């Protein structure tokens, strides 16, 4: 597996991976209505690229195919996105990406808003739940968890 910095040319593939992963992997924890407001369509590329380029972002490539991506704001330590292709779950791709994202943080703590689906993944990496929250998207509530990890180094 190769992990490299995100490039705007990765935009279409990462946006599609995000959409497909939300609608397949997260379907075990969220209703169809919740998934539809979380990821109603493949994101608009200009805004998508801009948001990823404002952070430190990495993509994972396995056998020439996009396997996952993630991004973090290194100044605040906010780990924004971490998604692994729906057909490539459980191969260590998320862990490898998260290692790189955590290493890019310039803070003592990292915070993420973990979905119901991702909560156990982050807990296994030493993240603690600070609070449960409900986020509104188009009038529909989605439950997630604000989680934090202290970086020692």
N, C-alpha and C. Protein backbone atom coordinates (compact mmCIF):
# COMPACT_ATOMS: atom_id res chain seq x y z
N UNK A 1 0.85 -1.18 0.00
CA UNK A 1 0.00 0.00 0.00
C UNK A 1 0.89 1.24 0.00
N UNK A 2 0.52 2.20 -0.80
CA UNK A 2 1.21 3.48 -0.87
C UNK A 2 0.32 4.54 -0.24
N UNK A 3 0.90 5.35 0.65
CA UNK A 3 0.17 6.50 1.19
C UNK A 3 0.92 7.73 0.72
N UNK A 4 0.19 8.63 0.09
CA UNK A 4 0.80 9.87 -0.42
C UNK A 4 -0.12 11.04 -0.14
N UNK A 5 0.44 12.25 -0.34
CA UNK A 5 -0.36 13.46 -0.15
C UNK A 5 -1.47 13.52 -1.18
N UNK A 6 -2.57 14.10 -0.75
CA UNK A 6 -3.73 14.31 -1.62
C UNK A 6 -3.35 15.31 -2.72
N UNK A 7 -3.83 15.06 -3.91
CA UNK A 7 -3.64 15.94 -5.05
C UNK A 7 -5.04 16.24 -5.62
N UNK A 8 -5.28 17.46 -6.11
CA UNK A 8 -6.62 17.76 -6.65
C UNK A 8 -7.11 16.76 -7.70
N UNK A 9 -6.19 16.11 -8.40
CA UNK A 9 -6.63 15.11 -9.38
C UNK A 9 -7.30 13.90 -8.70
N UNK A 10 -7.09 13.77 -7.38
CA UNK A 10 -7.74 12.69 -6.61
C UNK A 10 -9.19 13.03 -6.28
N UNK A 11 -9.60 14.26 -6.55
CA UNK A 11 -10.92 14.72 -6.16
C UNK A 11 -12.07 13.83 -6.59
N UNK A 12 -12.20 13.53 -7.88
CA UNK A 12 -13.35 12.72 -8.30
C UNK A 12 -13.41 11.35 -7.62
N UNK A 13 -12.26 10.68 -7.51
CA UNK A 13 -12.25 9.35 -6.90
C UNK A 13 -12.52 9.39 -5.40
N UNK A 14 -11.97 10.38 -4.71
CA UNK A 14 -12.21 10.45 -3.26
C UNK A 14 -13.66 10.83 -2.97
N UNK A 15 -14.21 11.73 -3.77
CA UNK A 15 -15.61 12.12 -3.58
C UNK A 15 -16.54 10.93 -3.79
N UNK A 16 -16.27 10.13 -4.81
CA UNK A 16 -17.09 8.95 -5.07
C UNK A 16 -16.90 7.91 -3.96
N UNK A 17 -15.66 7.72 -3.49
CA UNK A 17 -15.39 6.79 -2.40
C UNK A 17 -16.17 7.21 -1.15
N UNK A 18 -16.14 8.50 -0.83
CA UNK A 18 -16.90 9.02 0.31
C UNK A 18 -18.37 8.65 0.18
N UNK A 19 -18.96 8.96 -0.94
CA UNK A 19 -20.39 8.70 -1.16
C UNK A 19 -20.71 7.22 -1.01
N UNK A 20 -19.95 6.39 -1.69
CA UNK A 20 -20.22 4.95 -1.68
C UNK A 20 -19.99 4.34 -0.29
N UNK A 21 -18.95 4.78 0.40
CA UNK A 21 -18.67 4.23 1.72
C UNK A 21 -19.78 4.60 2.70
N UNK A 22 -20.20 5.86 2.69
CA UNK A 22 -21.28 6.27 3.59
C UNK A 22 -22.52 5.42 3.32
N UNK A 23 -22.85 5.21 2.06
CA UNK A 23 -24.09 4.51 1.72
C UNK A 23 -24.00 2.99 1.84
N UNK A 24 -22.83 2.44 2.09
CA UNK A 24 -22.71 0.99 2.28
C UNK A 24 -22.26 0.67 3.71
N UNK A 25 -21.07 1.10 4.07
CA UNK A 25 -20.50 0.76 5.38
C UNK A 25 -21.33 1.36 6.51
N UNK A 26 -21.70 2.61 6.40
CA UNK A 26 -22.44 3.27 7.47
C UNK A 26 -23.91 2.88 7.51
N UNK A 27 -24.38 2.13 6.53
CA UNK A 27 -25.78 1.70 6.48
C UNK A 27 -26.14 0.77 7.63
N UNK A 28 -25.13 0.16 8.27
CA UNK A 28 -25.44 -0.73 9.39
C UNK A 28 -25.81 0.04 10.65
N UNK A 29 -25.49 1.34 10.69
CA UNK A 29 -25.73 2.13 11.90
C UNK A 29 -26.68 3.32 11.70
N UNK A 30 -26.99 3.64 10.46
CA UNK A 30 -27.83 4.81 10.17
C UNK A 30 -28.94 4.40 9.21
N UNK A 31 -30.05 5.11 9.29
CA UNK A 31 -31.19 4.83 8.40
C UNK A 31 -30.90 5.36 7.00
N UNK A 32 -31.67 4.89 6.04
CA UNK A 32 -31.54 5.37 4.66
C UNK A 32 -31.74 6.89 4.60
N UNK A 33 -32.67 7.38 5.38
CA UNK A 33 -32.93 8.82 5.42
C UNK A 33 -31.71 9.58 5.97
N UNK A 34 -31.09 9.06 7.01
CA UNK A 34 -29.90 9.70 7.57
C UNK A 34 -28.73 9.66 6.58
N UNK A 35 -28.56 8.55 5.89
CA UNK A 35 -27.48 8.44 4.90
C UNK A 35 -27.69 9.43 3.77
N UNK A 36 -28.93 9.62 3.38
CA UNK A 36 -29.24 10.52 2.27
C UNK A 36 -28.91 11.98 2.62
N UNK A 37 -29.11 12.38 3.87
CA UNK A 37 -28.77 13.76 4.23
C UNK A 37 -27.28 13.90 4.53
N UNK A 38 -26.63 12.84 4.95
CA UNK A 38 -25.18 12.85 5.20
C UNK A 38 -24.43 12.98 3.87
N UNK A 39 -24.82 12.17 2.91
CA UNK A 39 -24.17 12.17 1.60
C UNK A 39 -25.25 12.08 0.53
N UNK A 40 -25.91 13.22 0.24
CA UNK A 40 -27.03 13.19 -0.70
C UNK A 40 -26.61 12.92 -2.15
N UNK A 41 -25.37 13.24 -2.45
CA UNK A 41 -24.84 13.06 -3.80
C UNK A 41 -23.33 13.10 -3.71
N UNK A 42 -22.68 12.75 -4.81
CA UNK A 42 -21.22 12.88 -4.84
C UNK A 42 -20.91 14.37 -4.70
N UNK A 43 -20.02 14.75 -3.78
CA UNK A 43 -19.75 16.17 -3.52
C UNK A 43 -19.27 16.93 -4.75
N UNK A 44 -19.60 18.23 -4.78
CA UNK A 44 -19.13 19.12 -5.84
C UNK A 44 -17.61 19.23 -5.73
N UNK A 45 -16.91 19.01 -6.82
CA UNK A 45 -15.45 18.88 -6.78
C UNK A 45 -14.70 20.13 -6.36
N UNK A 46 -15.14 21.29 -6.78
CA UNK A 46 -14.40 22.50 -6.42
C UNK A 46 -14.36 22.69 -4.90
N UNK A 47 -15.52 22.61 -4.28
CA UNK A 47 -15.60 22.77 -2.82
C UNK A 47 -14.89 21.60 -2.13
N UNK A 48 -15.06 20.39 -2.62
CA UNK A 48 -14.43 19.20 -2.06
C UNK A 48 -12.90 19.36 -2.06
N UNK A 49 -12.34 19.69 -3.22
CA UNK A 49 -10.89 19.87 -3.33
C UNK A 49 -10.39 20.97 -2.40
N UNK A 50 -11.10 22.07 -2.38
CA UNK A 50 -10.68 23.20 -1.54
C UNK A 50 -10.63 22.78 -0.07
N UNK A 51 -11.64 22.06 0.38
CA UNK A 51 -11.67 21.66 1.80
C UNK A 51 -10.54 20.70 2.13
N UNK A 52 -10.20 19.80 1.23
CA UNK A 52 -9.10 18.87 1.49
C UNK A 52 -7.75 19.57 1.41
N UNK A 53 -7.61 20.52 0.51
CA UNK A 53 -6.34 21.23 0.36
C UNK A 53 -6.08 22.21 1.51
N UNK A 54 -7.14 22.60 2.23
CA UNK A 54 -6.96 23.48 3.39
C UNK A 54 -6.37 22.72 4.57
N UNK A 55 -6.37 21.42 4.52
CA UNK A 55 -5.83 20.56 5.58
C UNK A 55 -4.64 19.76 5.04
N UNK A 56 -4.03 18.98 5.89
CA UNK A 56 -3.09 17.97 5.45
C UNK A 56 -3.93 16.75 5.12
N UNK A 57 -3.85 16.30 3.89
CA UNK A 57 -4.69 15.18 3.44
C UNK A 57 -3.82 14.13 2.75
N UNK A 58 -4.17 12.88 2.99
CA UNK A 58 -3.46 11.76 2.40
C UNK A 58 -4.45 10.84 1.71
N UNK A 59 -3.96 10.12 0.71
CA UNK A 59 -4.72 9.06 0.07
C UNK A 59 -3.91 7.78 0.19
N UNK A 60 -4.62 6.66 0.29
CA UNK A 60 -3.99 5.35 0.28
C UNK A 60 -4.34 4.68 -1.04
N UNK A 61 -3.31 4.12 -1.67
CA UNK A 61 -3.48 3.44 -2.95
C UNK A 61 -2.99 2.01 -2.78
N UNK A 62 -3.81 1.07 -3.18
CA UNK A 62 -3.45 -0.34 -3.09
C UNK A 62 -3.68 -0.99 -4.45
N UNK A 63 -2.62 -1.57 -4.99
CA UNK A 63 -2.68 -2.22 -6.30
C UNK A 63 -3.27 -1.29 -7.36
N UNK A 64 -2.85 -0.02 -7.33
CA UNK A 64 -3.28 0.96 -8.30
C UNK A 64 -4.66 1.54 -8.08
N UNK A 65 -5.37 1.10 -7.05
CA UNK A 65 -6.73 1.59 -6.81
C UNK A 65 -6.77 2.43 -5.53
N UNK A 66 -7.60 3.45 -5.54
CA UNK A 66 -7.78 4.28 -4.35
C UNK A 66 -8.43 3.42 -3.27
N UNK A 67 -7.75 3.33 -2.13
CA UNK A 67 -8.23 2.48 -1.03
C UNK A 67 -8.84 3.30 0.09
N UNK A 68 -8.44 4.57 0.22
CA UNK A 68 -8.97 5.40 1.29
C UNK A 68 -8.33 6.76 1.28
N UNK A 69 -8.84 7.64 2.14
CA UNK A 69 -8.28 8.99 2.27
C UNK A 69 -8.66 9.55 3.62
N UNK A 70 -7.96 10.59 4.01
CA UNK A 70 -8.27 11.28 5.25
C UNK A 70 -7.61 12.63 5.30
N UNK A 71 -8.10 13.50 6.19
CA UNK A 71 -7.51 14.82 6.33
C UNK A 71 -7.59 15.30 7.76
N UNK A 72 -6.66 16.19 8.10
CA UNK A 72 -6.57 16.76 9.43
C UNK A 72 -6.13 18.21 9.32
N UNK A 73 -6.63 19.04 10.22
CA UNK A 73 -6.15 20.41 10.35
C UNK A 73 -4.97 20.34 11.33
N UNK A 74 -3.75 20.50 10.85
CA UNK A 74 -2.59 20.30 11.74
C UNK A 74 -2.49 21.33 12.85
N UNK A 75 -3.03 22.53 12.65
CA UNK A 75 -2.94 23.57 13.67
C UNK A 75 -3.90 23.34 14.83
N UNK A 76 -5.10 22.84 14.53
CA UNK A 76 -6.09 22.62 15.59
C UNK A 76 -6.14 21.17 16.05
N UNK A 77 -5.62 20.26 15.23
CA UNK A 77 -5.69 18.84 15.56
C UNK A 77 -7.04 18.22 15.27
N UNK A 78 -7.86 18.87 14.44
CA UNK A 78 -9.17 18.32 14.09
C UNK A 78 -9.02 17.35 12.93
N UNK A 79 -9.26 16.07 13.21
CA UNK A 79 -9.24 15.04 12.18
C UNK A 79 -10.64 15.05 11.56
N UNK A 80 -10.73 15.56 10.35
CA UNK A 80 -12.02 15.82 9.73
C UNK A 80 -12.60 14.56 9.09
N UNK A 81 -11.90 14.00 8.11
CA UNK A 81 -12.43 12.84 7.38
C UNK A 81 -11.44 11.68 7.43
N UNK A 82 -11.98 10.48 7.46
CA UNK A 82 -11.19 9.26 7.33
C UNK A 82 -12.13 8.20 6.77
N UNK A 83 -11.93 7.86 5.51
CA UNK A 83 -12.82 6.92 4.83
C UNK A 83 -12.00 5.88 4.08
N UNK A 84 -12.45 4.64 4.18
CA UNK A 84 -11.82 3.52 3.48
C UNK A 84 -12.84 2.92 2.53
N UNK A 85 -12.38 2.58 1.34
CA UNK A 85 -13.24 2.00 0.31
C UNK A 85 -14.08 0.88 0.91
N UNK A 86 -15.35 0.84 0.54
CA UNK A 86 -16.27 -0.14 1.13
C UNK A 86 -15.84 -1.58 0.88
N UNK A 87 -15.11 -1.84 -0.19
CA UNK A 87 -14.67 -3.20 -0.50
C UNK A 87 -13.29 -3.51 0.08
N UNK A 88 -12.70 -2.55 0.80
CA UNK A 88 -11.33 -2.73 1.32
C UNK A 88 -11.26 -2.55 2.83
N UNK A 89 -12.37 -2.72 3.51
CA UNK A 89 -12.42 -2.58 4.96
C UNK A 89 -11.64 -3.71 5.63
N UNK A 90 -11.08 -3.43 6.80
CA UNK A 90 -10.44 -4.46 7.60
C UNK A 90 -9.05 -4.88 7.16
N UNK A 91 -8.40 -4.08 6.31
CA UNK A 91 -7.07 -4.42 5.81
C UNK A 91 -5.96 -3.55 6.42
N UNK A 92 -6.31 -2.71 7.39
CA UNK A 92 -5.31 -1.84 7.99
C UNK A 92 -5.12 -0.51 7.28
N UNK A 93 -5.94 -0.25 6.29
CA UNK A 93 -5.83 0.99 5.51
C UNK A 93 -6.19 2.20 6.38
N UNK A 94 -7.28 2.10 7.12
CA UNK A 94 -7.69 3.20 8.00
C UNK A 94 -6.64 3.46 9.06
N UNK A 95 -6.07 2.42 9.63
CA UNK A 95 -5.02 2.59 10.65
C UNK A 95 -3.78 3.26 10.07
N UNK A 96 -3.38 2.83 8.88
CA UNK A 96 -2.19 3.43 8.25
C UNK A 96 -2.42 4.91 7.94
N UNK A 97 -3.60 5.22 7.42
CA UNK A 97 -3.92 6.63 7.15
C UNK A 97 -3.97 7.43 8.44
N UNK A 98 -4.59 6.88 9.46
CA UNK A 98 -4.72 7.58 10.74
C UNK A 98 -3.34 7.82 11.36
N UNK A 99 -2.43 6.86 11.23
CA UNK A 99 -1.06 7.05 11.72
C UNK A 99 -0.43 8.28 11.08
N UNK A 100 -0.59 8.40 9.77
CA UNK A 100 -0.01 9.55 9.05
C UNK A 100 -0.68 10.86 9.44
N UNK A 101 -1.99 10.83 9.60
CA UNK A 101 -2.71 12.04 9.98
C UNK A 101 -2.32 12.48 11.39
N UNK A 102 -2.26 11.56 12.32
CA UNK A 102 -1.87 11.89 13.69
C UNK A 102 -0.45 12.45 13.73
N UNK A 103 0.44 11.89 12.92
CA UNK A 103 1.83 12.37 12.88
C UNK A 103 1.93 13.79 12.32
N UNK A 104 0.94 14.19 11.51
CA UNK A 104 0.95 15.52 10.90
C UNK A 104 0.43 16.60 11.85
N UNK A 105 -0.22 16.18 12.94
CA UNK A 105 -0.78 17.15 13.88
C UNK A 105 0.34 17.90 14.61
N UNK A 106 0.13 19.18 14.79
CA UNK A 106 1.09 20.03 15.50
C UNK A 106 0.51 20.43 16.86
N UNK A 107 -0.31 19.56 17.40
CA UNK A 107 -1.01 19.84 18.65
C UNK A 107 -0.78 18.68 19.62
N UNK A 108 -1.15 18.90 20.86
CA UNK A 108 -1.03 17.85 21.87
C UNK A 108 -2.23 16.91 21.88
N UNK A 109 -3.32 17.36 21.27
CA UNK A 109 -4.51 16.53 21.22
C UNK A 109 -5.08 16.51 19.80
N UNK A 110 -5.75 15.43 19.49
CA UNK A 110 -6.46 15.31 18.22
C UNK A 110 -7.93 15.07 18.57
N UNK A 111 -8.80 15.75 17.86
CA UNK A 111 -10.24 15.61 18.08
C UNK A 111 -10.88 15.21 16.76
N UNK A 112 -11.85 14.32 16.85
CA UNK A 112 -12.62 13.94 15.68
C UNK A 112 -14.08 13.80 16.08
N UNK A 113 -14.96 13.86 15.10
CA UNK A 113 -16.38 13.61 15.30
C UNK A 113 -16.65 12.25 14.66
N UNK A 114 -16.61 11.21 15.46
CA UNK A 114 -16.72 9.85 14.95
C UNK A 114 -18.17 9.41 14.81
N UNK A 115 -18.45 8.79 13.69
CA UNK A 115 -19.78 8.22 13.48
C UNK A 115 -19.98 7.03 14.41
N UNK A 116 -21.22 6.56 14.49
CA UNK A 116 -21.50 5.32 15.23
C UNK A 116 -20.62 4.19 14.70
N UNK A 117 -20.44 4.16 13.39
CA UNK A 117 -19.67 3.11 12.74
C UNK A 117 -18.19 3.21 13.09
N UNK A 118 -17.66 4.42 13.19
CA UNK A 118 -16.22 4.62 13.41
C UNK A 118 -15.82 4.69 14.88
N UNK A 119 -16.78 4.75 15.76
CA UNK A 119 -16.47 4.93 17.18
C UNK A 119 -15.50 3.87 17.70
N UNK A 120 -15.75 2.60 17.43
CA UNK A 120 -14.89 1.53 17.94
C UNK A 120 -13.48 1.63 17.35
N UNK A 121 -13.38 1.99 16.08
CA UNK A 121 -12.06 2.15 15.45
C UNK A 121 -11.23 3.17 16.22
N UNK A 122 -11.82 4.33 16.49
CA UNK A 122 -11.08 5.38 17.19
C UNK A 122 -10.82 5.00 18.65
N UNK A 123 -11.78 4.35 19.30
CA UNK A 123 -11.58 3.92 20.68
C UNK A 123 -10.40 2.95 20.76
N UNK A 124 -10.27 2.07 19.80
CA UNK A 124 -9.15 1.12 19.77
C UNK A 124 -7.81 1.81 19.56
N UNK A 125 -7.83 3.03 19.07
CA UNK A 125 -6.61 3.80 18.85
C UNK A 125 -6.32 4.74 20.03
N UNK A 126 -7.11 4.65 21.09
CA UNK A 126 -6.86 5.46 22.28
C UNK A 126 -7.66 6.73 22.37
N UNK A 127 -8.61 6.93 21.49
CA UNK A 127 -9.47 8.11 21.56
C UNK A 127 -10.52 7.88 22.64
N UNK A 128 -10.82 8.94 23.38
CA UNK A 128 -11.83 8.90 24.43
C UNK A 128 -13.05 9.71 23.99
N UNK A 129 -14.23 9.22 24.32
CA UNK A 129 -15.45 9.96 24.01
C UNK A 129 -15.56 11.13 24.98
N UNK A 130 -15.64 12.34 24.43
CA UNK A 130 -15.87 13.53 25.26
C UNK A 130 -17.36 13.75 25.45
N UNK A 131 -18.11 13.51 24.37
CA UNK A 131 -19.56 13.65 24.47
C UNK A 131 -20.21 13.06 23.21
N UNK A 132 -21.45 12.66 23.42
CA UNK A 132 -22.29 12.24 22.31
C UNK A 132 -22.99 13.49 21.81
N UNK A 133 -23.22 13.56 20.51
CA UNK A 133 -23.94 14.71 19.98
C UNK A 133 -24.86 14.28 18.85
N UNK A 134 -25.79 15.15 18.57
CA UNK A 134 -26.68 14.96 17.42
C UNK A 134 -26.47 16.14 16.50
N UNK A 135 -26.14 15.84 15.26
CA UNK A 135 -25.88 16.85 14.25
C UNK A 135 -27.06 16.89 13.30
N UNK A 136 -27.55 18.09 13.01
CA UNK A 136 -28.69 18.20 12.11
C UNK A 136 -28.22 18.43 10.68
N UNK A 137 -28.78 17.66 9.78
CA UNK A 137 -28.55 17.82 8.34
C UNK A 137 -29.92 17.81 7.67
N UNK A 138 -30.31 18.95 7.12
CA UNK A 138 -31.58 19.07 6.41
C UNK A 138 -32.76 18.57 7.24
N UNK A 139 -32.75 18.94 8.51
CA UNK A 139 -33.85 18.59 9.39
C UNK A 139 -33.80 17.19 9.98
N UNK A 140 -32.78 16.43 9.65
CA UNK A 140 -32.63 15.06 10.15
C UNK A 140 -31.44 15.03 11.11
N UNK A 141 -31.60 14.34 12.25
CA UNK A 141 -30.53 14.26 13.24
C UNK A 141 -29.68 13.00 13.02
N UNK A 142 -28.36 13.19 13.11
CA UNK A 142 -27.41 12.09 13.03
C UNK A 142 -26.59 12.08 14.31
N UNK A 143 -26.50 10.93 14.93
CA UNK A 143 -25.75 10.79 16.17
C UNK A 143 -24.28 10.51 15.84
N UNK A 144 -23.38 11.22 16.54
CA UNK A 144 -21.96 10.91 16.47
C UNK A 144 -21.31 11.23 17.80
N UNK A 145 -20.00 11.08 17.87
CA UNK A 145 -19.28 11.25 19.12
C UNK A 145 -18.08 12.15 18.92
N UNK A 146 -17.96 13.15 19.79
CA UNK A 146 -16.76 13.96 19.80
C UNK A 146 -15.74 13.15 20.61
N UNK A 147 -14.62 12.81 19.97
CA UNK A 147 -13.61 11.97 20.59
C UNK A 147 -12.26 12.68 20.54
N UNK A 148 -11.43 12.41 21.55
CA UNK A 148 -10.13 13.08 21.66
C UNK A 148 -9.05 12.07 22.01
N UNK A 149 -7.86 12.34 21.49
CA UNK A 149 -6.69 11.53 21.82
C UNK A 149 -5.54 12.47 22.16
N UNK A 150 -4.86 12.21 23.24
CA UNK A 150 -3.66 12.95 23.59
C UNK A 150 -2.48 12.33 22.86
N UNK A 151 -1.67 13.20 22.28
CA UNK A 151 -0.49 12.75 21.56
C UNK A 151 0.69 12.85 22.49
N UNK A 152 1.39 11.76 22.64
CA UNK A 152 2.60 11.77 23.46
C UNK A 152 3.78 11.73 22.52
N UNK A 153 4.79 12.41 22.84
CA UNK A 153 5.91 12.38 21.93
C UNK A 153 6.97 13.21 22.44
